[in-house]
Protein backbone atom coordinates (compact mmCIF):
# COMPACT_ATOMS: atom_id res chain seq x y z
CA UNK A 1 -0.06 0.00 0.08
CA UNK A 2 1.23 3.46 -0.79
CA UNK A 3 2.08 6.03 1.72
CA UNK A 4 0.47 8.50 -0.94
CA UNK A 5 -3.27 8.89 -1.06
CA UNK A 6 -5.21 10.92 -3.90
CA UNK A 7 -8.96 11.99 -3.47
CA UNK A 8 -9.60 11.17 -7.14
CA UNK A 9 -12.71 12.30 -9.47
CA UNK A 10 -11.39 10.40 -12.86
CA UNK A 11 -14.09 12.77 -14.50
CA UNK A 12 -12.23 15.92 -13.46
CA UNK A 13 -9.21 17.30 -15.80
CA UNK A 14 -7.26 18.61 -12.71
CA UNK A 15 -7.44 15.22 -10.68
CA UNK A 16 -6.62 13.27 -13.89
CA UNK A 17 -3.61 15.85 -14.47
CA UNK A 18 -2.55 15.39 -10.76
CA UNK A 19 -2.78 11.37 -11.02
CA UNK A 20 -0.68 11.44 -14.23
CA UNK A 21 2.10 13.79 -12.72
CA UNK A 22 2.50 11.41 -9.74
CA UNK A 23 2.72 8.61 -12.10
CA UNK A 24 5.30 10.29 -13.96
CA UNK A 25 7.20 10.81 -10.81
CA UNK A 26 6.98 6.97 -10.53
CA UNK A 27 4.47 7.23 -7.54
CA UNK A 28 1.57 4.57 -7.28
CA UNK A 29 -1.10 6.45 -5.03
CA UNK A 30 -3.91 4.98 -3.37
CA UNK A 31 -6.78 6.31 -5.55
CA UNK A 32 -9.76 6.87 -3.45
CA UNK A 33 -12.49 7.76 -5.86
CA UNK A 34 -14.47 9.72 -3.00
CA UNK A 35 -17.64 10.32 -4.73
CA UNK A 36 -17.83 6.34 -4.44
CA UNK A 37 -16.64 6.18 -1.06
CA UNK A 38 -16.86 9.94 0.75
CA UNK A 39 -14.88 10.64 3.81
CA UNK A 40 -16.45 10.48 7.05
CA UNK A 41 -16.86 13.71 8.92
CA UNK A 42 -14.04 12.67 11.10
CA UNK A 43 -11.69 11.81 8.01
CA UNK A 44 -12.73 15.04 6.30
CA UNK A 45 -11.72 16.95 9.60
CA UNK A 46 -8.07 15.30 9.30
CA UNK A 47 -7.90 16.08 5.89
CA UNK A 48 -8.76 19.89 6.41
CA UNK A 49 -6.16 19.96 9.17
CA UNK A 50 -3.58 18.35 6.77
CA UNK A 51 -4.71 21.11 4.06
CA UNK A 52 -4.91 23.80 6.55
CA UNK A 53 -7.78 25.07 5.23
CA UNK A 54 -11.36 25.50 6.66
CA UNK A 55 -14.44 23.69 5.37
CA UNK A 56 -15.58 26.86 3.67
CA UNK A 57 -12.39 27.04 1.63
CA UNK A 58 -12.47 23.20 0.40
CA UNK A 59 -16.12 23.67 -0.83
CA UNK A 60 -16.99 23.74 -4.69
CA UNK A 61 -18.99 26.98 -4.78
CA UNK A 62 -20.02 26.36 -7.97
CA UNK A 63 -21.71 23.23 -7.74
CA UNK A 64 -25.92 23.39 -7.80
CA UNK A 65 -25.76 21.73 -4.37
CA UNK A 66 -24.21 24.82 -2.94
CA UNK A 67 -26.68 26.89 -3.98
CA UNK A 68 -29.43 24.41 -2.91
CA UNK A 69 -27.94 23.87 0.55
CA UNK A 70 -27.67 27.65 0.87
CA UNK A 71 -24.23 26.91 1.98
CA UNK A 72 -23.06 30.39 1.14
CA UNK A 73 -24.75 31.39 4.57
CA UNK A 74 -21.97 33.28 6.78
CA UNK A 75 -23.60 31.81 9.77
CA UNK A 76 -22.96 28.04 9.12
CA UNK A 77 -20.85 26.20 11.31
CA UNK A 78 -17.73 24.29 10.40
CA UNK A 79 -19.17 20.91 11.45
CA UNK A 80 -22.44 21.83 9.30
CA UNK A 81 -20.10 22.51 6.09
CA UNK A 82 -18.30 19.27 6.64
CA UNK A 83 -21.72 17.41 7.02
CA UNK A 84 -22.67 18.73 3.90
CA UNK A 85 -19.54 17.63 1.99
CA UNK A 86 -19.89 14.27 3.52
CA UNK A 87 -23.60 13.67 2.71
CA UNK A 88 -22.83 15.54 -0.96
CA UNK A 89 -19.14 14.56 -1.80
CA UNK A 90 -19.01 16.24 -5.18
CA UNK A 91 -19.27 19.68 -3.00
CA UNK A 92 -15.67 18.65 -1.85
CA UNK A 93 -12.83 20.51 -4.26
CA UNK A 94 -10.52 18.12 -5.67
CA UNK A 95 -8.07 16.26 -6.27
CA UNK A 96 -6.62 16.35 -2.85
CA UNK A 97 -3.18 14.31 -2.25
CA UNK A 98 -2.33 13.10 1.24
CA UNK A 99 1.18 11.91 2.63
CA UNK A 100 1.58 11.36 6.04
CA UNK A 101 0.57 14.49 8.15
CA UNK A 102 0.27 16.58 5.28
CA UNK A 103 -1.98 17.39 2.22
CA UNK A 104 -2.45 19.67 -0.97
CA UNK A 105 -4.79 20.37 -3.12
CA UNK A 106 -3.93 19.69 -6.52
CA UNK A 107 -4.84 23.24 -8.21
CA UNK A 108 -2.62 23.48 -9.84
CA UNK A 109 -1.33 19.59 -10.36
CA UNK A 110 1.98 20.83 -9.51
CA UNK A 111 0.99 22.09 -6.03
CA UNK A 112 1.23 18.43 -4.83
CA UNK A 113 4.72 18.18 -5.53
CA UNK A 114 6.24 19.82 -2.21
CA UNK A 115 4.98 16.81 -0.32
CA UNK A 116 6.08 14.15 -2.40
């Protein structure tokens, strides 16, 4: 098992580019298709901590669910935003590469290189 994981959506060009970049570097990450197996709230909190981001920073604000669930409301708690991402994983910005205690968002894909 690899010590590097990627939360991956094969339909996303940035996710595919990031995975290809890792593979070019000889890295075979554990691929987590997060739309099929979403992270739990606890896992998402850990990922956010490793990213150094808030839940709001990780939300895909262009998604229909973002608007439908009124996630733009400034008074929503971190836990409420995390629960929304757990229930609607397409709200999670991607790809996310995780290695040990660090994680990077692959936007742009090269941003993950400093943790590998």
